[in-house]
PDB file of N, CA and C in Angstrom:
ATOM      1  N   MET A   1     -16.519  10.943  -7.012  1.00  0.00           N
ATOM      2  CA  MET A   1     -15.900   9.928  -6.178  1.00  0.00           C
ATOM      3  C   MET A   1     -15.309  10.568  -4.922  1.00  0.00           C
ATOM      4  N   SER A   2     -15.305   9.824  -3.848  1.00  0.00           N
ATOM      5  CA  SER A   2     -14.822  10.322  -2.559  1.00  0.00           C
ATOM      6  C   SER A   2     -13.361  10.006  -2.347  1.00  0.00           C
ATOM      7  N   LYS A   3     -12.707  10.897  -1.649  1.00  0.00           N
ATOM      8  CA  LYS A   3     -11.331  10.628  -1.238  1.00  0.00           C
ATOM      9  C   LYS A   3     -11.325   9.464  -0.260  1.00  0.00           C
ATOM     10  N   ILE A   4     -10.222   8.756  -0.243  1.00  0.00           N
ATOM     11  CA  ILE A   4     -10.053   7.607   0.640  1.00  0.00           C
ATOM     12  C   ILE A   4      -8.906   7.906   1.602  1.00  0.00           C
ATOM     13  N   THR A   5      -9.175   7.729   2.885  1.00  0.00           N
ATOM     14  CA  THR A   5      -8.156   7.915   3.912  1.00  0.00           C
ATOM     15  C   THR A   5      -7.778   6.553   4.469  1.00  0.00           C
ATOM     16  N   VAL A   6      -6.482   6.341   4.618  1.00  0.00           N
ATOM     17  CA  VAL A   6      -5.972   5.075   5.154  1.00  0.00           C
ATOM     18  C   VAL A   6      -5.094   5.385   6.354  1.00  0.00           C
ATOM     19  N   ILE A   7      -5.293   4.617   7.407  1.00  0.00           N
ATOM     20  CA  ILE A   7      -4.404   4.654   8.565  1.00  0.00           C
ATOM     21  C   ILE A   7      -3.850   3.246   8.735  1.00  0.00           C
ATOM     22  N   ALA A   8      -2.539   3.128   8.634  1.00  0.00           N
ATOM     23  CA  ALA A   8      -1.886   1.823   8.773  1.00  0.00           C
ATOM     24  C   ALA A   8      -0.935   1.880   9.960  1.00  0.00           C
ATOM     25  N   SER A   9      -1.022   0.879  10.831  1.00  0.00           N
ATOM     26  CA  SER A   9      -0.205   0.845  12.046  1.00  0.00           C
ATOM     27  C   SER A   9       0.680  -0.395  12.050  1.00  0.00           C
ATOM     28  N   PHE A  10       1.912  -0.191  12.498  1.00  0.00           N
ATOM     29  CA  PHE A  10       2.939  -1.234  12.484  1.00  0.00           C
ATOM     30  C   PHE A  10       3.560  -1.327  13.868  1.00  0.00           C
ATOM     31  N   TYR A  11       3.678  -2.543  14.368  1.00  0.00           N
ATOM     32  CA  TYR A  11       4.227  -2.786  15.702  1.00  0.00           C
ATOM     33  C   TYR A  11       5.457  -3.693  15.567  1.00  0.00           C
ATOM     34  N   PRO A  12       6.638  -3.079  15.438  1.00  0.00           N
ATOM     35  CA  PRO A  12       7.844  -3.872  15.201  1.00  0.00           C
ATOM     36  C   PRO A  12       8.304  -4.673  16.418  1.00  0.00           C
ATOM     37  N   LYS A  13       8.958  -5.779  16.135  1.00  0.00           N
ATOM     38  CA  LYS A  13       9.657  -6.499  17.198  1.00  0.00           C
ATOM     39  C   LYS A  13      10.712  -5.552  17.764  1.00  0.00           C
ATOM     40  N   GLU A  14      11.013  -5.702  19.040  1.00  0.00           N
ATOM     41  CA  GLU A  14      11.896  -4.757  19.729  1.00  0.00           C
ATOM     42  C   GLU A  14      13.235  -4.562  19.020  1.00  0.00           C
ATOM     43  N   ASP A  15      13.798  -5.637  18.485  1.00  0.00           N
ATOM     44  CA  ASP A  15      15.102  -5.534  17.830  1.00  0.00           C
ATOM     45  C   ASP A  15      14.993  -5.208  16.341  1.00  0.00           C
ATOM     46  N   LYS A  16      13.799  -4.919  15.845  1.00  0.00           N
ATOM     47  CA  LYS A  16      13.592  -4.657  14.418  1.00  0.00           C
ATOM     48  C   LYS A  16      13.040  -3.265  14.137  1.00  0.00           C
ATOM     49  N   VAL A  17      13.037  -2.391  15.146  1.00  0.00           N
ATOM     50  CA  VAL A  17      12.466  -1.056  14.985  1.00  0.00           C
ATOM     51  C   VAL A  17      13.135  -0.299  13.840  1.00  0.00           C
ATOM     52  N   ASN A  18      14.460  -0.288  13.794  1.00  0.00           N
ATOM     53  CA  ASN A  18      15.160   0.447  12.739  1.00  0.00           C
ATOM     54  C   ASN A  18      14.904  -0.151  11.361  1.00  0.00           C
ATOM     55  N   ASP A  19      14.816  -1.471  11.281  1.00  0.00           N
ATOM     56  CA  ASP A  19      14.531  -2.117   9.996  1.00  0.00           C
ATOM     57  C   ASP A  19      13.149  -1.716   9.487  1.00  0.00           C
ATOM     58  N   VAL A  20      12.172  -1.729  10.377  1.00  0.00           N
ATOM     59  CA  VAL A  20      10.811  -1.344   9.995  1.00  0.00           C
ATOM     60  C   VAL A  20      10.786   0.124   9.578  1.00  0.00           C
ATOM     61  N   ARG A  21      11.458   0.967  10.342  1.00  0.00           N
ATOM     62  CA  ARG A  21      11.536   2.398  10.010  1.00  0.00           C
ATOM     63  C   ARG A  21      12.085   2.588   8.585  1.00  0.00           C
ATOM     64  N   GLU A  22      13.168   1.913   8.271  1.00  0.00           N
ATOM     65  CA  GLU A  22      13.794   2.082   6.958  1.00  0.00           C
ATOM     66  C   GLU A  22      12.893   1.584   5.822  1.00  0.00           C
ATOM     67  N   ILE A  23      12.230   0.473   6.034  1.00  0.00           N
ATOM     68  CA  ILE A  23      11.315  -0.041   5.007  1.00  0.00           C
ATOM     69  C   ILE A  23      10.185   0.954   4.765  1.00  0.00           C
ATOM     70  N   LEU A  24       9.609   1.468   5.836  1.00  0.00           N
ATOM     71  CA  LEU A  24       8.508   2.418   5.680  1.00  0.00           C
ATOM     72  C   LEU A  24       8.983   3.744   5.084  1.00  0.00           C
ATOM     73  N   LEU A  25      10.157   4.207   5.478  1.00  0.00           N
ATOM     74  CA  LEU A  25      10.704   5.422   4.880  1.00  0.00           C
ATOM     75  C   LEU A  25      10.932   5.267   3.384  1.00  0.00           C
ATOM     76  N   SER A  26      11.285   4.056   2.969  1.00  0.00           N
ATOM     77  CA  SER A  26      11.522   3.824   1.537  1.00  0.00           C
ATOM     78  C   SER A  26      10.236   3.940   0.718  1.00  0.00           C
ATOM     79  N   MET A  27       9.100   3.914   1.385  1.00  0.00           N
ATOM     80  CA  MET A  27       7.806   4.043   0.701  1.00  0.00           C
ATOM     81  C   MET A  27       7.387   5.497   0.494  1.00  0.00           C
ATOM     82  N   THR A  28       7.921   6.431   1.282  1.00  0.00           N
ATOM     83  CA  THR A  28       7.381   7.788   1.265  1.00  0.00           C
ATOM     84  C   THR A  28       7.558   8.485  -0.084  1.00  0.00           C
ATOM     85  N   LYS A  29       8.756   8.537  -0.597  1.00  0.00           N
ATOM     86  CA  LYS A  29       8.983   9.277  -1.843  1.00  0.00           C
ATOM     87  C   LYS A  29       8.201   8.688  -3.023  1.00  0.00           C
ATOM     88  N   PRO A  30       8.324   7.376  -3.294  1.00  0.00           N
ATOM     89  CA  PRO A  30       7.583   6.869  -4.461  1.00  0.00           C
ATOM     90  C   PRO A  30       6.068   6.973  -4.310  1.00  0.00           C
ATOM     91  N   THR A  31       5.570   6.832  -3.086  1.00  0.00           N
ATOM     92  CA  THR A  31       4.122   6.936  -2.891  1.00  0.00           C
ATOM     93  C   THR A  31       3.662   8.375  -3.093  1.00  0.00           C
ATOM     94  N   ARG A  32       4.410   9.325  -2.583  1.00  0.00           N
ATOM     95  CA  ARG A  32       4.048  10.734  -2.757  1.00  0.00           C
ATOM     96  C   ARG A  32       4.068  11.158  -4.223  1.00  0.00           C
ATOM     97  N   LEU A  33       4.829  10.449  -5.040  1.00  0.00           N
ATOM     98  CA  LEU A  33       4.890  10.753  -6.471  1.00  0.00           C
ATOM     99  C   LEU A  33       3.737  10.137  -7.269  1.00  0.00           C
ATOM    100  N   GLU A  34       2.981   9.242  -6.658  1.00  0.00           N
ATOM    101  CA  GLU A  34       1.848   8.636  -7.359  1.00  0.00           C
ATOM    102  C   GLU A  34       0.804   9.716  -7.643  1.00  0.00           C
ATOM    103  N   GLU A  35       0.269   9.697  -8.846  1.00  0.00           N
ATOM    104  CA  GLU A  35      -0.673  10.729  -9.268  1.00  0.00           C
ATOM    105  C   GLU A  35      -1.889  10.850  -8.344  1.00  0.00           C
ATOM    106  N   GLY A  36      -2.412   9.745  -7.871  1.00  0.00           N
ATOM    107  CA  GLY A  36      -3.616   9.770  -7.046  1.00  0.00           C
ATOM    108  C   GLY A  36      -3.382   9.943  -5.562  1.00  0.00           C
ATOM    109  N   ASN A  37      -2.117  10.043  -5.142  1.00  0.00           N
ATOM    110  CA  ASN A  37      -1.824  10.228  -3.716  1.00  0.00           C
ATOM    111  C   ASN A  37      -1.860  11.702  -3.378  1.00  0.00           C
ATOM    112  N   GLU A  38      -2.598  12.053  -2.345  1.00  0.00           N
ATOM    113  CA  GLU A  38      -2.693  13.447  -1.918  1.00  0.00           C
ATOM    114  C   GLU A  38      -1.928  13.712  -0.626  1.00  0.00           C
ATOM    115  N   LEU A  39      -1.726  12.677   0.178  1.00  0.00           N
ATOM    116  CA  LEU A  39      -0.997  12.834   1.436  1.00  0.00           C
ATOM    117  C   LEU A  39      -0.446  11.481   1.851  1.00  0.00           C
ATOM    118  N   TYR A  40       0.797  11.475   2.315  1.00  0.00           N
ATOM    119  CA  TYR A  40       1.422  10.245   2.799  1.00  0.00           C
ATOM    120  C   TYR A  40       2.386  10.645   3.904  1.00  0.00           C
ATOM    121  N   ASN A  41       1.917  10.620   5.142  1.00  0.00           N
ATOM    122  CA  ASN A  41       2.712  11.052   6.285  1.00  0.00           C
ATOM    123  C   ASN A  41       3.029   9.870   7.188  1.00  0.00           C
ATOM    124  N   PHE A  42       4.233   9.900   7.733  1.00  0.00           N
ATOM    125  CA  PHE A  42       4.794   8.805   8.520  1.00  0.00           C
ATOM    126  C   PHE A  42       5.048   9.296   9.946  1.00  0.00           C
ATOM    127  N   TYR A  43       4.532   8.575  10.931  1.00  0.00           N
ATOM    128  CA  TYR A  43       4.634   8.952  12.336  1.00  0.00           C
ATOM    129  C   TYR A  43       5.186   7.803  13.173  1.00  0.00           C
ATOM    130  N   GLY A  44       5.831   8.161  14.268  1.00  0.00           N
ATOM    131  CA  GLY A  44       6.255   7.180  15.256  1.00  0.00           C
ATOM    132  C   GLY A  44       5.584   7.478  16.579  1.00  0.00           C
ATOM    133  N   GLU A  45       5.242   6.434  17.318  1.00  0.00           N
ATOM    134  CA  GLU A  45       4.642   6.587  18.643  1.00  0.00           C
ATOM    135  C   GLU A  45       5.638   6.069  19.674  1.00  0.00           C
ATOM    136  N   LYS A  46       5.941   6.914  20.658  1.00  0.00           N
ATOM    137  CA  LYS A  46       6.925   6.544  21.673  1.00  0.00           C
ATOM    138  C   LYS A  46       6.234   6.014  22.921  1.00  0.00           C
ATOM    139  N   ASN A  47       6.938   5.118  23.606  1.00  0.00           N
ATOM    140  CA  ASN A  47       6.428   4.591  24.872  1.00  0.00           C
ATOM    141  C   ASN A  47       6.908   5.487  26.018  1.00  0.00           C
ATOM    142  N   SER A  48       6.645   5.073  27.250  1.00  0.00           N
ATOM    143  CA  SER A  48       7.007   5.886  28.417  1.00  0.00           C
ATOM    144  C   SER A  48       8.519   6.055  28.564  1.00  0.00           C
ATOM    145  N   GLU A  49       9.292   5.185  27.930  1.00  0.00           N
ATOM    146  CA  GLU A  49      10.748   5.292  27.983  1.00  0.00           C
ATOM    147  C   GLU A  49      11.300   6.104  26.811  1.00  0.00           C
ATOM    148  N   LYS A  50      10.412   6.753  26.072  1.00  0.00           N
ATOM    149  CA  LYS A  50      10.770   7.610  24.927  1.00  0.00           C
ATOM    150  C   LYS A  50      11.377   6.824  23.766  1.00  0.00           C
ATOM    151  N   LYS A  51      11.051   5.542  23.701  1.00  0.00           N
ATOM    152  CA  LYS A  51      11.505   4.713  22.584  1.00  0.00           C
ATOM    153  C   LYS A  51      10.325   4.473  21.652  1.00  0.00           C
ATOM    154  N   ILE A  52      10.602   4.487  20.358  1.00  0.00           N
ATOM    155  CA  ILE A  52       9.545   4.214  19.380  1.00  0.00           C
ATOM    156  C   ILE A  52       9.055   2.783  19.585  1.00  0.00           C
ATOM    157  N   GLU A  53       7.735   2.641  19.724  1.00  0.00           N
ATOM    158  CA  GLU A  53       7.174   1.304  19.856  1.00  0.00           C
ATOM    159  C   GLU A  53       6.230   0.961  18.709  1.00  0.00           C
ATOM    160  N   SER A  54       5.808   1.983  17.953  1.00  0.00           N
ATOM    161  CA  SER A  54       4.956   1.697  16.801  1.00  0.00           C
ATOM    162  C   SER A  54       5.099   2.815  15.775  1.00  0.00           C
ATOM    163  N   PHE A  55       4.743   2.477  14.538  1.00  0.00           N
ATOM    164  CA  PHE A  55       4.763   3.432  13.438  1.00  0.00           C
ATOM    165  C   PHE A  55       3.372   3.483  12.832  1.00  0.00           C
ATOM    166  N   HIS A  56       3.053   4.655  12.268  1.00  0.00           N
ATOM    167  CA  HIS A  56       1.726   4.843  11.685  1.00  0.00           C
ATOM    168  C   HIS A  56       1.841   5.653  10.397  1.00  0.00           C
ATOM    169  N   LEU A  57       1.145   5.203   9.382  1.00  0.00           N
ATOM    170  CA  LEU A  57       1.056   5.933   8.128  1.00  0.00           C
ATOM    171  C   LEU A  57      -0.336   6.530   8.017  1.00  0.00           C
ATOM    172  N   PHE A  58      -0.397   7.795   7.664  1.00  0.00           N
ATOM    173  CA  PHE A  58      -1.663   8.481   7.424  1.00  0.00           C
ATOM    174  C   PHE A  58      -1.650   8.852   5.950  1.00  0.00           C
ATOM    175  N   GLU A  59      -2.588   8.292   5.209  1.00  0.00           N
ATOM    176  CA  GLU A  59      -2.580   8.420   3.755  1.00  0.00           C
ATOM    177  C   GLU A  59      -3.926   8.918   3.247  1.00  0.00           C
ATOM    178  N   ILE A  60      -3.900   9.757   2.217  1.00  0.00           N
ATOM    179  CA  ILE A  60      -5.123  10.174   1.549  1.00  0.00           C
ATOM    180  C   ILE A  60      -4.932   9.976   0.051  1.00  0.00           C
ATOM    181  N   TYR A  61      -5.912   9.318  -0.541  1.00  0.00           N
ATOM    182  CA  TYR A  61      -5.905   9.055  -1.978  1.00  0.00           C
ATOM    183  C   TYR A  61      -7.105   9.725  -2.626  1.00  0.00           C
ATOM    184  N   LYS A  62      -6.928  10.111  -3.871  1.00  0.00           N
ATOM    185  CA  LYS A  62      -7.970  10.809  -4.624  1.00  0.00           C
ATOM    186  C   LYS A  62      -9.271  10.020  -4.677  1.00  0.00           C
ATOM    187  N   ASP A  63      -9.150   8.691  -4.820  1.00  0.00           N
ATOM    188  CA  ASP A  63     -10.326   7.826  -4.918  1.00  0.00           C
ATOM    189  C   ASP A  63      -9.885   6.369  -4.770  1.00  0.00           C
ATOM    190  N   THR A  64     -10.824   5.448  -4.861  1.00  0.00           N
ATOM    191  CA  THR A  64     -10.484   4.025  -4.689  1.00  0.00           C
ATOM    192  C   THR A  64      -9.548   3.525  -5.782  1.00  0.00           C
ATOM    193  N   GLU A  65      -9.657   4.074  -6.972  1.00  0.00           N
ATOM    194  CA  GLU A  65      -8.755   3.670  -8.053  1.00  0.00           C
ATOM    195  C   GLU A  65      -7.313   4.034  -7.725  1.00  0.00           C
ATOM    196  N   ALA A  66      -7.121   5.191  -7.111  1.00  0.00           N
ATOM    197  CA  ALA A  66      -5.771   5.606  -6.719  1.00  0.00           C
ATOM    198  C   ALA A  66      -5.200   4.691  -5.638  1.00  0.00           C
ATOM    199  N   LEU A  67      -6.043   4.276  -4.705  1.00  0.00           N
ATOM    200  CA  LEU A  67      -5.586   3.332  -3.679  1.00  0.00           C
ATOM    201  C   LEU A  67      -5.262   1.978  -4.303  1.00  0.00           C
ATOM    202  N   ASP A  68      -6.098   1.521  -5.215  1.00  0.00           N
ATOM    203  CA  ASP A  68      -5.826   0.265  -5.915  1.00  0.00           C
ATOM    204  C   ASP A  68      -4.513   0.351  -6.694  1.00  0.00           C
ATOM    205  N   PHE A  69      -4.283   1.482  -7.353  1.00  0.00           N
ATOM    206  CA  PHE A  69      -3.032   1.679  -8.081  1.00  0.00           C
ATOM    207  C   PHE A  69      -1.849   1.549  -7.121  1.00  0.00           C
ATOM    208  N   HIS A  70      -1.941   2.228  -5.974  1.00  0.00           N
ATOM    209  CA  HIS A  70      -0.870   2.189  -4.966  1.00  0.00           C
ATOM    210  C   HIS A  70      -0.560   0.750  -4.549  1.00  0.00           C
ATOM    211  N   ARG A  71      -1.591  -0.015  -4.306  1.00  0.00           N
ATOM    212  CA  ARG A  71      -1.405  -1.395  -3.836  1.00  0.00           C
ATOM    213  C   ARG A  71      -0.841  -2.324  -4.904  1.00  0.00           C
ATOM    214  N   ASN A  72      -0.783  -1.860  -6.134  1.00  0.00           N
ATOM    215  CA  ASN A  72      -0.227  -2.667  -7.218  1.00  0.00           C
ATOM    216  C   ASN A  72       1.136  -2.184  -7.695  1.00  0.00           C
ATOM    217  N   THR A  73       1.714  -1.199  -7.007  1.00  0.00           N
ATOM    218  CA  THR A  73       3.035  -0.719  -7.401  1.00  0.00           C
ATOM    219  C   THR A  73       4.121  -1.674  -6.913  1.00  0.00           C
ATOM    220  N   GLU A  74       5.283  -1.577  -7.538  1.00  0.00           N
ATOM    221  CA  GLU A  74       6.416  -2.412  -7.122  1.00  0.00           C
ATOM    222  C   GLU A  74       6.885  -2.042  -5.712  1.00  0.00           C
ATOM    223  N   HIS A  75       6.899  -0.754  -5.376  1.00  0.00           N
ATOM    224  CA  HIS A  75       7.378  -0.373  -4.039  1.00  0.00           C
ATOM    225  C   HIS A  75       6.437  -0.901  -2.960  1.00  0.00           C
ATOM    226  N   TYR A  76       5.140  -0.936  -3.235  1.00  0.00           N
ATOM    227  CA  TYR A  76       4.197  -1.496  -2.265  1.00  0.00           C
ATOM    228  C   TYR A  76       4.405  -3.006  -2.121  1.00  0.00           C
ATOM    229  N   LYS A  77       4.478  -3.700  -3.236  1.00  0.00           N
ATOM    230  CA  LYS A  77       4.674  -5.159  -3.193  1.00  0.00           C
ATOM    231  C   LYS A  77       6.002  -5.510  -2.517  1.00  0.00           C
ATOM    232  N   ASN A  78       7.023  -4.718  -2.763  1.00  0.00           N
ATOM    233  CA  ASN A  78       8.336  -4.959  -2.172  1.00  0.00           C
ATOM    234  C   ASN A  78       8.294  -4.800  -0.651  1.00  0.00           C
ATOM    235  N   TYR A  79       7.671  -3.710  -0.182  1.00  0.00           N
ATOM    236  CA  TYR A  79       7.601  -3.504   1.270  1.00  0.00           C
ATOM    237  C   TYR A  79       6.779  -4.609   1.936  1.00  0.00           C
ATOM    238  N   ARG A  80       5.669  -4.998   1.317  1.00  0.00           N
ATOM    239  CA  ARG A  80       4.827  -6.047   1.905  1.00  0.00           C
ATOM    240  C   ARG A  80       5.570  -7.376   1.989  1.00  0.00           C
ATOM    241  N   SER A  81       6.440  -7.638   1.043  1.00  0.00           N
ATOM    242  CA  SER A  81       7.177  -8.907   1.056  1.00  0.00           C
ATOM    243  C   SER A  81       8.237  -8.958   2.154  1.00  0.00           C
ATOM    244  N   LYS A  82       8.656  -7.809   2.664  1.00  0.00           N
ATOM    245  CA  LYS A  82       9.733  -7.743   3.655  1.00  0.00           C
ATOM    246  C   LYS A  82       9.262  -7.539   5.094  1.00  0.00           C
ATOM    247  N   ILE A  83       8.156  -6.863   5.303  1.00  0.00           N
ATOM    248  CA  ILE A  83       7.875  -6.302   6.619  1.00  0.00           C
ATOM    249  C   ILE A  83       7.243  -7.259   7.625  1.00  0.00           C
ATOM    250  N   ASN A  84       6.441  -8.196   7.172  1.00  0.00           N
ATOM    251  CA  ASN A  84       5.664  -9.021   8.105  1.00  0.00           C
ATOM    252  C   ASN A  84       6.504  -9.755   9.140  1.00  0.00           C
ATOM    253  N   ASP A  85       7.644 -10.278   8.741  1.00  0.00           N
ATOM    254  CA  ASP A  85       8.493 -11.023   9.679  1.00  0.00           C
ATOM    255  C   ASP A  85       9.152 -10.133  10.732  1.00  0.00           C
ATOM    256  N   LEU A  86       9.087  -8.820  10.545  1.00  0.00           N
ATOM    257  CA  LEU A  86       9.718  -7.875  11.465  1.00  0.00           C
ATOM    258  C   LEU A  86       8.741  -7.338  12.512  1.00  0.00           C
ATOM    259  N   LEU A  87       7.483  -7.777  12.432  1.00  0.00           N
ATOM    260  CA  LEU A  87       6.436  -7.225  13.279  1.00  0.00           C
ATOM    261  C   LEU A  87       5.983  -8.195  14.362  1.00  0.00           C
ATOM    262  N   ASN A  88       5.532  -7.644  15.482  1.00  0.00           N
ATOM    263  CA  ASN A  88       4.976  -8.438  16.581  1.00  0.00           C
ATOM    264  C   ASN A  88       3.576  -8.951  16.277  1.00  0.00           C
ATOM    265  N   LYS A  89       2.855  -8.224  15.439  1.00  0.00           N
ATOM    266  CA  LYS A  89       1.491  -8.613  15.083  1.00  0.00           C
ATOM    267  C   LYS A  89       1.193  -8.094  13.684  1.00  0.00           C
ATOM    268  N   PRO A  90       0.132  -8.577  13.073  1.00  0.00           N
ATOM    269  CA  PRO A  90      -0.177  -8.135  11.699  1.00  0.00           C
ATOM    270  C   PRO A  90      -0.400  -6.622  11.617  1.00  0.00           C
ATOM    271  N   ILE A  91      -0.131  -6.085  10.441  1.00  0.00           N
ATOM    272  CA  ILE A  91      -0.368  -4.669  10.171  1.00  0.00           C
ATOM    273  C   ILE A  91      -1.853  -4.380  10.378  1.00  0.00           C
ATOM    274  N   GLU A  92      -2.143  -3.295  11.053  1.00  0.00           N
ATOM    275  CA  GLU A  92      -3.529  -2.861  11.232  1.00  0.00           C
ATOM    276  C   GLU A  92      -3.814  -1.773  10.201  1.00  0.00           C
ATOM    277  N   VAL A  93      -4.728  -2.053   9.282  1.00  0.00           N
ATOM    278  CA  VAL A  93      -5.066  -1.099   8.231  1.00  0.00           C
ATOM    279  C   VAL A  93      -6.535  -0.737   8.349  1.00  0.00           C
ATOM    280  N   LYS A  94      -6.791   0.563   8.369  1.00  0.00           N
ATOM    281  CA  LYS A  94      -8.166   1.066   8.374  1.00  0.00           C
ATOM    282  C   LYS A  94      -8.344   1.933   7.148  1.00  0.00           C
ATOM    283  N   VAL A  95      -9.317   1.578   6.313  1.00  0.00           N
ATOM    284  CA  VAL A  95      -9.651   2.367   5.141  1.00  0.00           C
ATOM    285  C   VAL A  95     -10.935   3.108   5.473  1.00  0.00           C
ATOM    286  N   LEU A  96     -10.848   4.431   5.498  1.00  0.00           N
ATOM    287  CA  LEU A  96     -11.953   5.268   5.949  1.00  0.00           C
ATOM    288  C   LEU A  96     -12.581   6.026   4.786  1.00  0.00           C
ATOM    289  N   SER A  97     -13.886   6.133   4.813  1.00  0.00           N
ATOM    290  CA  SER A  97     -14.623   6.941   3.847  1.00  0.00           C
ATOM    291  C   SER A  97     -15.219   8.140   4.581  1.00  0.00           C
ATOM    292  N   PRO A  98     -15.195   9.313   3.970  1.00  0.00           N
ATOM    293  CA  PRO A  98     -15.695  10.502   4.659  1.00  0.00           C
ATOM    294  C   PRO A  98     -17.202  10.446   4.909  1.00  0.00           C
ATOM    295  N   ILE A  99     -17.585  10.962   6.052  1.00  0.00           N
ATOM    296  CA  ILE A  99     -19.012  11.085   6.395  1.00  0.00           C
ATOM    297  C   ILE A  99     -19.345  12.564   6.531  1.00  0.00           C
ATOM    298  N   ASP A 100     -18.600  13.267   7.376  1.00  0.00           N
ATOM    299  CA  ASP A 100     -18.824  14.699   7.563  1.00  0.00           C
ATOM    300  C   ASP A 100     -17.472  15.335   7.805  1.00  0.00           C
ATOM    301  N   ILE A 101     -16.865  15.840   6.746  1.00  0.00           N
ATOM    302  CA  ILE A 101     -15.534  16.444   6.852  1.00  0.00           C
ATOM    303  C   ILE A 101     -15.567  17.845   6.250  1.00  0.00           C
ATOM    304  N   ILE A 102     -14.545  18.626   6.569  1.00  0.00           N
ATOM    305  CA  ILE A 102     -14.427  19.980   6.016  1.00  0.00           C
ATOM    306  C   ILE A 102     -13.385  19.974   4.929  1.00  0.00           C
TER     307      ILE A 102
END
């Protein structure tokens, strides 16, 4: 089975940046403890005024079963129930399968 890479992008409303940051930070520890998770890194993208305007998660899972497990955890369901109203647009999620990697 192939590893699964996920890139998820979040664009918070201007007054909700800290709320979105805290919700996403609350996901890092429990997700990293999942058996099938190999990488779970959290990034912020700054605008020209040096203010965070978006957040991005870079995730690698052992296989599709590990990703499915992640999406069924309580911490995942909890974050999904809270975050949508804090965003300017829907979460952008890309699930990537390897083609030619090292």
